[in-house]
Amino acid sequence: MRTQITPAEMTDIHQVLADHHRYWGDRDLRPLHLLALVHEFGETCLVARAEDGIRGYVIGFVTPTGTGYVHLIATRDDARGTGLGHRLYAAFADAAHHQGALRLKAITSVGNTNSIAFHRRLGFDAKVVDDYNGPDQARVVFHRGLPFDAAQP
């Protein structure tokens, strides 16, 4: 099935939210889907679209200091293990680089072993930062330089 990665539209994010469980399972991350990010940073908010709907997406932006920050990235339950997450990251990295990004950054919770493994496979450095999200709220912080080679981490 052919999948095309394009900038996200508001209707795409509404569809993602309606099908939230297909991307996140039992984890309710709907409050993190900030529509303002799509409005303001549309060039770096992307969806992977196929005949059967949105197979994955990334919501991110470029900071003033040249960091391409990935706020959310997810693939639908039936698209996992296909390389789509890697393709989404590569497309985001390309869009962020065109906006002046020199590096990529993402964060996840310490217990999110799938996310940690995924980011490490893509060549990110991972570091646990205590109190990153407030007192006693450590996060794993990922960093990686650009360019992002779609074929190799």
N, C-alpha and C. Protein backbone atom coordinates (compact mmCIF):
# COMPACT_ATOMS: atom_id res chain seq x y z
N MET A 1 0.85 -1.19 0.00
CA MET A 1 0.00 0.00 0.00
C MET A 1 0.90 1.25 0.00
N ARG A 2 0.65 2.14 -0.93
CA ARG A 2 1.44 3.36 -1.06
C ARG A 2 1.05 4.36 0.03
N THR A 3 2.07 4.89 0.68
CA THR A 3 1.87 5.88 1.74
C THR A 3 2.62 7.14 1.34
N GLN A 4 1.93 8.27 1.43
CA GLN A 4 2.52 9.56 1.08
C GLN A 4 2.59 10.42 2.33
N ILE A 5 3.76 11.02 2.58
CA ILE A 5 3.93 11.91 3.74
C ILE A 5 3.76 13.34 3.27
N THR A 6 2.80 14.04 3.89
CA THR A 6 2.45 15.40 3.52
C THR A 6 2.24 16.24 4.78
N PRO A 7 2.24 17.58 4.64
CA PRO A 7 1.90 18.41 5.81
C PRO A 7 0.50 18.08 6.33
N ALA A 8 0.37 18.10 7.64
CA ALA A 8 -0.91 17.80 8.29
C ALA A 8 -1.88 18.95 8.12
N GLU A 9 -3.13 18.59 7.98
CA GLU A 9 -4.23 19.56 7.99
C GLU A 9 -5.01 19.35 9.27
N MET A 10 -5.80 20.32 9.64
CA MET A 10 -6.56 20.21 10.88
C MET A 10 -7.48 18.99 10.86
N THR A 11 -8.07 18.69 9.70
CA THR A 11 -8.95 17.51 9.62
C THR A 11 -8.18 16.23 9.90
N ASP A 12 -6.90 16.21 9.54
CA ASP A 12 -6.06 15.03 9.83
C ASP A 12 -5.91 14.83 11.33
N ILE A 13 -5.64 15.90 12.04
CA ILE A 13 -5.45 15.79 13.49
C ILE A 13 -6.75 15.41 14.17
N HIS A 14 -7.87 15.92 13.68
CA HIS A 14 -9.16 15.51 14.23
C HIS A 14 -9.38 14.02 14.01
N GLN A 15 -8.97 13.50 12.86
CA GLN A 15 -9.09 12.06 12.59
C GLN A 15 -8.17 11.26 13.50
N VAL A 16 -6.95 11.73 13.68
CA VAL A 16 -6.02 11.07 14.59
C VAL A 16 -6.62 11.01 15.99
N LEU A 17 -7.19 12.09 16.45
CA LEU A 17 -7.78 12.11 17.79
C LEU A 17 -8.97 11.18 17.89
N ALA A 18 -9.76 11.08 16.82
CA ALA A 18 -10.91 10.16 16.82
C ALA A 18 -10.44 8.71 16.88
N ASP A 19 -9.29 8.42 16.28
CA ASP A 19 -8.73 7.06 16.25
C ASP A 19 -7.56 6.91 17.22
N HIS A 20 -7.54 7.72 18.25
CA HIS A 20 -6.42 7.80 19.18
C HIS A 20 -5.92 6.44 19.64
N HIS A 21 -6.81 5.54 19.98
CA HIS A 21 -6.41 4.23 20.50
C HIS A 21 -5.60 3.42 19.48
N ARG A 22 -5.77 3.69 18.19
CA ARG A 22 -5.02 2.96 17.15
C ARG A 22 -3.55 3.37 17.15
N TYR A 23 -3.25 4.56 17.66
CA TYR A 23 -1.88 5.05 17.69
C TYR A 23 -1.23 4.87 19.07
N TRP A 24 -2.02 5.02 20.12
CA TRP A 24 -1.46 5.07 21.47
C TRP A 24 -1.97 3.98 22.40
N GLY A 25 -2.86 3.12 21.95
CA GLY A 25 -3.37 2.07 22.83
C GLY A 25 -4.13 2.66 24.00
N ASP A 26 -3.81 2.18 25.19
CA ASP A 26 -4.51 2.63 26.40
C ASP A 26 -3.96 3.94 26.97
N ARG A 27 -2.86 4.44 26.43
CA ARG A 27 -2.29 5.70 26.91
C ARG A 27 -3.08 6.86 26.33
N ASP A 28 -3.66 7.69 27.19
CA ASP A 28 -4.44 8.83 26.71
C ASP A 28 -3.54 10.06 26.57
N LEU A 29 -3.06 10.26 25.36
CA LEU A 29 -2.19 11.40 25.08
C LEU A 29 -2.92 12.49 24.29
N ARG A 30 -4.23 12.43 24.26
CA ARG A 30 -4.98 13.45 23.52
C ARG A 30 -4.67 14.87 23.97
N PRO A 31 -4.48 15.13 25.28
CA PRO A 31 -4.16 16.51 25.68
C PRO A 31 -2.84 17.03 25.11
N LEU A 32 -1.94 16.14 24.68
CA LEU A 32 -0.66 16.59 24.11
C LEU A 32 -0.78 16.98 22.64
N HIS A 33 -1.90 16.68 22.03
CA HIS A 33 -2.11 17.01 20.61
C HIS A 33 -2.58 18.47 20.52
N LEU A 34 -1.63 19.37 20.64
CA LEU A 34 -1.93 20.80 20.67
C LEU A 34 -2.19 21.29 19.25
N LEU A 35 -3.40 21.65 18.98
CA LEU A 35 -3.77 22.08 17.63
C LEU A 35 -3.02 23.35 17.22
N ALA A 36 -2.65 24.16 18.21
CA ALA A 36 -1.88 25.37 17.89
C ALA A 36 -0.56 25.03 17.21
N LEU A 37 0.04 23.90 17.56
CA LEU A 37 1.30 23.52 16.92
C LEU A 37 1.09 23.25 15.43
N VAL A 38 -0.03 22.65 15.09
CA VAL A 38 -0.33 22.39 13.68
C VAL A 38 -0.62 23.70 12.97
N HIS A 39 -1.36 24.59 13.62
CA HIS A 39 -1.65 25.90 13.02
C HIS A 39 -0.37 26.70 12.77
N GLU A 40 0.52 26.73 13.76
CA GLU A 40 1.69 27.61 13.71
C GLU A 40 2.92 26.99 13.06
N PHE A 41 3.02 25.66 13.08
CA PHE A 41 4.21 24.99 12.57
C PHE A 41 3.84 23.91 11.55
N GLY A 42 2.93 24.24 10.67
CA GLY A 42 2.38 23.27 9.73
C GLY A 42 3.40 22.58 8.85
N GLU A 43 4.51 23.24 8.55
CA GLU A 43 5.52 22.64 7.67
C GLU A 43 6.24 21.47 8.34
N THR A 44 6.21 21.41 9.67
CA THR A 44 6.89 20.34 10.39
C THR A 44 5.91 19.45 11.16
N CYS A 45 4.65 19.53 10.81
CA CYS A 45 3.63 18.62 11.34
C CYS A 45 3.16 17.81 10.13
N LEU A 46 3.46 16.53 10.14
CA LEU A 46 3.29 15.72 8.94
C LEU A 46 2.42 14.50 9.21
N VAL A 47 1.74 14.04 8.17
CA VAL A 47 0.97 12.79 8.26
C VAL A 47 1.41 11.86 7.14
N ALA A 48 1.32 10.57 7.42
CA ALA A 48 1.56 9.53 6.42
C ALA A 48 0.19 9.02 6.01
N ARG A 49 -0.19 9.35 4.79
CA ARG A 49 -1.55 9.08 4.32
C ARG A 49 -1.53 7.94 3.30
N ALA A 50 -2.50 7.03 3.43
CA ALA A 50 -2.67 5.94 2.48
C ALA A 50 -4.16 5.83 2.15
N GLU A 51 -4.51 4.89 1.29
CA GLU A 51 -5.92 4.71 0.92
C GLU A 51 -6.81 4.44 2.12
N ASP A 52 -6.26 3.76 3.12
CA ASP A 52 -7.05 3.39 4.30
C ASP A 52 -6.94 4.41 5.43
N GLY A 53 -6.44 5.61 5.15
CA GLY A 53 -6.41 6.67 6.15
C GLY A 53 -5.00 7.05 6.58
N ILE A 54 -4.91 7.66 7.74
CA ILE A 54 -3.64 8.16 8.27
C ILE A 54 -2.95 7.01 9.00
N ARG A 55 -1.79 6.62 8.48
CA ARG A 55 -1.05 5.49 9.04
C ARG A 55 -0.05 5.93 10.10
N GLY A 56 0.29 7.21 10.12
CA GLY A 56 1.22 7.73 11.11
C GLY A 56 1.32 9.23 11.01
N TYR A 57 1.94 9.84 12.00
CA TYR A 57 2.07 11.30 12.00
C TYR A 57 3.19 11.73 12.93
N VAL A 58 3.64 12.95 12.70
CA VAL A 58 4.62 13.59 13.57
C VAL A 58 4.20 15.04 13.74
N ILE A 59 4.27 15.51 14.97
CA ILE A 59 3.99 16.91 15.29
C ILE A 59 5.28 17.48 15.89
N GLY A 60 5.83 18.49 15.25
CA GLY A 60 7.07 19.07 15.74
C GLY A 60 7.26 20.48 15.23
N PHE A 61 8.37 21.08 15.64
CA PHE A 61 8.67 22.46 15.24
C PHE A 61 10.16 22.69 15.36
N VAL A 62 10.62 23.82 14.86
CA VAL A 62 12.02 24.21 14.95
C VAL A 62 12.12 25.36 15.94
N THR A 63 13.04 25.22 16.90
CA THR A 63 13.23 26.27 17.89
C THR A 63 14.10 27.38 17.31
N PRO A 64 14.09 28.56 17.93
CA PRO A 64 14.94 29.66 17.46
C PRO A 64 16.44 29.34 17.50
N THR A 65 16.84 28.36 18.31
CA THR A 65 18.26 28.00 18.41
C THR A 65 18.65 26.86 17.46
N GLY A 66 17.76 26.48 16.55
CA GLY A 66 18.10 25.50 15.53
C GLY A 66 17.90 24.05 15.90
N THR A 67 16.97 23.79 16.81
CA THR A 67 16.66 22.41 17.18
C THR A 67 15.31 22.03 16.59
N GLY A 68 15.29 20.93 15.86
CA GLY A 68 14.03 20.36 15.37
C GLY A 68 13.48 19.47 16.47
N TYR A 69 12.44 19.94 17.14
CA TYR A 69 11.88 19.24 18.29
C TYR A 69 10.66 18.42 17.87
N VAL A 70 10.72 17.12 18.12
CA VAL A 70 9.59 16.24 17.83
C VAL A 70 8.75 16.14 19.09
N HIS A 71 7.56 16.71 19.03
CA HIS A 71 6.64 16.71 20.17
C HIS A 71 5.92 15.38 20.27
N LEU A 72 5.42 14.87 19.15
CA LEU A 72 4.74 13.57 19.10
C LEU A 72 5.07 12.89 17.78
N ILE A 73 5.24 11.58 17.83
CA ILE A 73 5.35 10.77 16.62
C ILE A 73 4.67 9.44 16.93
N ALA A 74 3.85 8.98 16.00
CA ALA A 74 3.13 7.72 16.23
C ALA A 74 2.80 7.07 14.90
N THR A 75 2.76 5.75 14.93
CA THR A 75 2.27 5.00 13.79
C THR A 75 1.05 4.20 14.24
N ARG A 76 0.14 4.02 13.33
CA ARG A 76 -1.08 3.27 13.62
C ARG A 76 -0.72 1.81 13.89
N ASP A 77 -1.52 1.14 14.69
CA ASP A 77 -1.22 -0.23 15.12
C ASP A 77 -0.92 -1.18 13.97
N ASP A 78 -1.56 -1.01 12.82
CA ASP A 78 -1.33 -1.92 11.70
C ASP A 78 -0.17 -1.48 10.80
N ALA A 79 0.52 -0.39 11.17
CA ALA A 79 1.65 0.10 10.37
C ALA A 79 2.98 -0.05 11.11
N ARG A 80 2.94 -0.58 12.31
CA ARG A 80 4.18 -0.72 13.09
C ARG A 80 5.07 -1.80 12.49
N GLY A 81 6.36 -1.57 12.57
CA GLY A 81 7.32 -2.53 12.06
C GLY A 81 7.54 -2.45 10.56
N THR A 82 6.97 -1.43 9.92
CA THR A 82 7.09 -1.29 8.46
C THR A 82 8.16 -0.28 8.05
N GLY A 83 8.77 0.38 9.02
CA GLY A 83 9.73 1.44 8.71
C GLY A 83 9.09 2.81 8.58
N LEU A 84 7.78 2.89 8.80
CA LEU A 84 7.09 4.16 8.64
C LEU A 84 7.56 5.20 9.65
N GLY A 85 7.80 4.80 10.89
CA GLY A 85 8.29 5.75 11.89
C GLY A 85 9.62 6.36 11.46
N HIS A 86 10.49 5.56 10.91
CA HIS A 86 11.78 6.05 10.40
C HIS A 86 11.54 7.02 9.25
N ARG A 87 10.63 6.68 8.33
CA ARG A 87 10.32 7.56 7.20
C ARG A 87 9.74 8.89 7.68
N LEU A 88 8.87 8.85 8.70
CA LEU A 88 8.30 10.08 9.26
C LEU A 88 9.41 10.94 9.87
N TYR A 89 10.32 10.32 10.62
CA TYR A 89 11.42 11.08 11.21
C TYR A 89 12.28 11.71 10.12
N ALA A 90 12.56 10.95 9.06
CA ALA A 90 13.38 11.47 7.96
C ALA A 90 12.70 12.66 7.30
N ALA A 91 11.38 12.56 7.09
CA ALA A 91 10.64 13.66 6.47
C ALA A 91 10.63 14.88 7.39
N PHE A 92 10.45 14.65 8.70
CA PHE A 92 10.49 15.76 9.65
C PHE A 92 11.88 16.40 9.64
N ALA A 93 12.92 15.57 9.68
CA ALA A 93 14.29 16.09 9.70
C ALA A 93 14.56 16.95 8.47
N ASP A 94 14.08 16.51 7.33
CA ASP A 94 14.27 17.28 6.09
C ASP A 94 13.55 18.62 6.19
N ALA A 95 12.30 18.60 6.64
CA ALA A 95 11.53 19.85 6.78
C ALA A 95 12.19 20.78 7.80
N ALA A 96 12.64 20.22 8.93
CA ALA A 96 13.28 21.02 9.96
C ALA A 96 14.60 21.61 9.46
N HIS A 97 15.36 20.80 8.73
CA HIS A 97 16.64 21.27 8.17
C HIS A 97 16.41 22.44 7.22
N HIS A 98 15.36 22.37 6.42
CA HIS A 98 15.04 23.48 5.51
C HIS A 98 14.68 24.76 6.25
N GLN A 99 14.31 24.62 7.53
CA GLN A 99 14.00 25.79 8.35
C GLN A 99 15.19 26.18 9.24
N GLY A 100 16.34 25.60 8.99
CA GLY A 100 17.54 25.99 9.72
C GLY A 100 17.93 25.10 10.88
N ALA A 101 17.24 24.00 11.09
CA ALA A 101 17.60 23.12 12.20
C ALA A 101 18.96 22.48 11.95
N LEU A 102 19.72 22.36 13.02
CA LEU A 102 21.03 21.73 12.97
C LEU A 102 21.04 20.39 13.70
N ARG A 103 20.02 20.18 14.53
CA ARG A 103 19.95 18.99 15.37
C ARG A 103 18.49 18.64 15.62
N LEU A 104 18.27 17.42 16.12
CA LEU A 104 16.93 16.96 16.49
C LEU A 104 16.89 16.67 17.98
N LYS A 105 15.70 16.81 18.56
CA LYS A 105 15.50 16.52 19.97
C LYS A 105 14.10 15.95 20.16
N ALA A 106 13.99 15.04 21.11
CA ALA A 106 12.70 14.50 21.52
C ALA A 106 12.83 14.08 22.98
N ILE A 107 11.70 13.87 23.63
CA ILE A 107 11.71 13.37 25.01
C ILE A 107 10.66 12.27 25.14
N THR A 108 10.84 11.45 26.16
CA THR A 108 9.83 10.45 26.50
C THR A 108 9.94 10.15 27.99
N SER A 109 8.95 9.44 28.49
CA SER A 109 8.99 9.03 29.89
C SER A 109 10.03 7.92 30.07
N VAL A 110 10.55 7.80 31.27
CA VAL A 110 11.61 6.84 31.56
C VAL A 110 11.12 5.41 31.30
N GLY A 111 9.86 5.14 31.54
CA GLY A 111 9.32 3.79 31.37
C GLY A 111 8.91 3.42 29.96
N ASN A 112 9.03 4.34 29.01
CA ASN A 112 8.59 4.07 27.64
C ASN A 112 9.71 3.38 26.87
N THR A 113 9.87 2.09 27.13
CA THR A 113 10.98 1.33 26.56
C THR A 113 10.89 1.23 25.03
N ASN A 114 9.68 1.19 24.48
CA ASN A 114 9.55 1.14 23.02
C ASN A 114 10.09 2.41 22.37
N SER A 115 9.75 3.56 22.93
CA SER A 115 10.23 4.83 22.39
C SER A 115 11.74 4.94 22.53
N ILE A 116 12.26 4.51 23.66
CA ILE A 116 13.70 4.58 23.88
C ILE A 116 14.43 3.72 22.86
N ALA A 117 13.96 2.51 22.66
CA ALA A 117 14.59 1.61 21.68
C ALA A 117 14.48 2.17 20.27
N PHE A 118 13.32 2.71 19.91
CA PHE A 118 13.10 3.29 18.58
C PHE A 118 14.09 4.42 18.32
N HIS A 119 14.20 5.36 19.26
CA HIS A 119 15.09 6.50 19.07
C HIS A 119 16.56 6.06 19.01
N ARG A 120 16.92 5.09 19.81
CA ARG A 120 18.31 4.59 19.75
C ARG A 120 18.60 3.94 18.41
N ARG A 121 17.63 3.20 17.85
CA ARG A 121 17.82 2.59 16.52
C ARG A 121 18.03 3.66 15.46
N LEU A 122 17.46 4.84 15.67
CA LEU A 122 17.60 5.94 14.72
C LEU A 122 18.87 6.76 14.96
N GLY A 123 19.68 6.34 15.91
CA GLY A 123 20.96 7.01 16.13
C GLY A 123 20.93 8.15 17.13
N PHE A 124 19.86 8.28 17.91
CA PHE A 124 19.79 9.32 18.92
C PHE A 124 20.60 8.93 20.15
N ASP A 125 21.24 9.91 20.78
CA ASP A 125 21.80 9.74 22.11
C ASP A 125 20.66 9.91 23.10
N ALA A 126 20.68 9.12 24.17
CA ALA A 126 19.61 9.19 25.18
C ALA A 126 20.22 9.45 26.54
N LYS A 127 19.61 10.37 27.28
CA LYS A 127 20.09 10.70 28.63
C LYS A 127 18.88 10.92 29.53
N VAL A 128 18.89 10.30 30.71
CA VAL A 128 17.84 10.55 31.69
C VAL A 128 18.15 11.86 32.39
N VAL A 129 17.18 12.76 32.40
CA VAL A 129 17.34 14.07 33.04
C VAL A 129 16.33 14.15 34.18
N ASP A 130 16.84 14.17 35.41
CA ASP A 130 15.98 14.28 36.59
C ASP A 130 15.23 15.60 36.58
N ASP A 131 14.01 15.58 37.06
CA ASP A 131 13.17 16.78 37.23
C ASP A 131 12.94 17.53 35.91
N TYR A 132 13.11 16.88 34.77
CA TYR A 132 12.95 17.55 33.47
C TYR A 132 11.57 18.16 33.32
N ASN A 133 10.56 17.45 33.78
CA ASN A 133 9.18 17.92 33.63
C ASN A 133 8.59 18.36 34.97
N GLY A 134 9.46 18.72 35.91
CA GLY A 134 9.03 19.15 37.23
C GLY A 134 9.63 18.23 38.28
N PRO A 135 9.39 18.54 39.56
CA PRO A 135 9.95 17.72 40.63
C PRO A 135 9.57 16.24 40.49
N ASP A 136 10.57 15.38 40.60
CA ASP A 136 10.39 13.92 40.53
C ASP A 136 9.77 13.45 39.22
N GLN A 137 9.94 14.21 38.14
CA GLN A 137 9.42 13.83 36.83
C GLN A 137 10.58 13.78 35.82
N ALA A 138 11.36 12.72 35.96
CA ALA A 138 12.49 12.53 35.04
C ALA A 138 11.96 12.21 33.64
N ARG A 139 12.75 12.54 32.65
CA ARG A 139 12.43 12.21 31.25
C ARG A 139 13.72 11.76 30.57
N VAL A 140 13.54 10.92 29.56
CA VAL A 140 14.67 10.57 28.70
C VAL A 140 14.70 11.61 27.60
N VAL A 141 15.84 12.27 27.45
CA VAL A 141 16.01 13.32 26.45
C VAL A 141 16.91 12.76 25.34
N PHE A 142 16.42 12.85 24.11
CA PHE A 142 17.14 12.35 22.95
C PHE A 142 17.71 13.51 22.14
N HIS A 143 18.92 13.34 21.65
CA HIS A 143 19.56 14.32 20.75
C HIS A 143 20.19 13.59 19.59
N ARG A 144 20.20 14.25 18.46
CA ARG A 144 20.87 13.71 17.28
C ARG A 144 21.16 14.88 16.35
N GLY A 145 22.32 14.86 15.73
CA GLY A 145 22.67 15.89 14.76
C GLY A 145 22.02 15.64 13.42
N LEU A 146 22.01 16.68 12.60
CA LEU A 146 21.56 16.58 11.22
C LEU A 146 22.79 16.65 10.33
N PRO A 147 22.79 16.08 9.16
CA PRO A 147 21.61 15.57 8.46
C PRO A 147 21.18 14.20 8.98
N PHE A 148 19.96 13.87 8.66
CA PHE A 148 19.36 12.59 9.01
C PHE A 148 19.28 11.78 7.74
N ASP A 149 20.13 10.79 7.61
CA ASP A 149 20.13 9.94 6.43
C ASP A 149 18.97 8.96 6.56
N ALA A 150 18.05 8.98 5.62
CA ALA A 150 16.87 8.12 5.67
C ALA A 150 17.24 6.64 5.64
N ALA A 151 18.39 6.31 5.09
CA ALA A 151 18.77 4.91 5.00
C ALA A 151 19.54 4.42 6.21
N GLN A 152 20.24 5.33 6.89
CA GLN A 152 21.07 4.94 8.03
C GLN A 152 20.89 5.93 9.17
N PRO A 153 20.91 5.43 10.41
CA PRO A 153 20.89 6.37 11.56
C PRO A 153 22.19 7.13 11.66
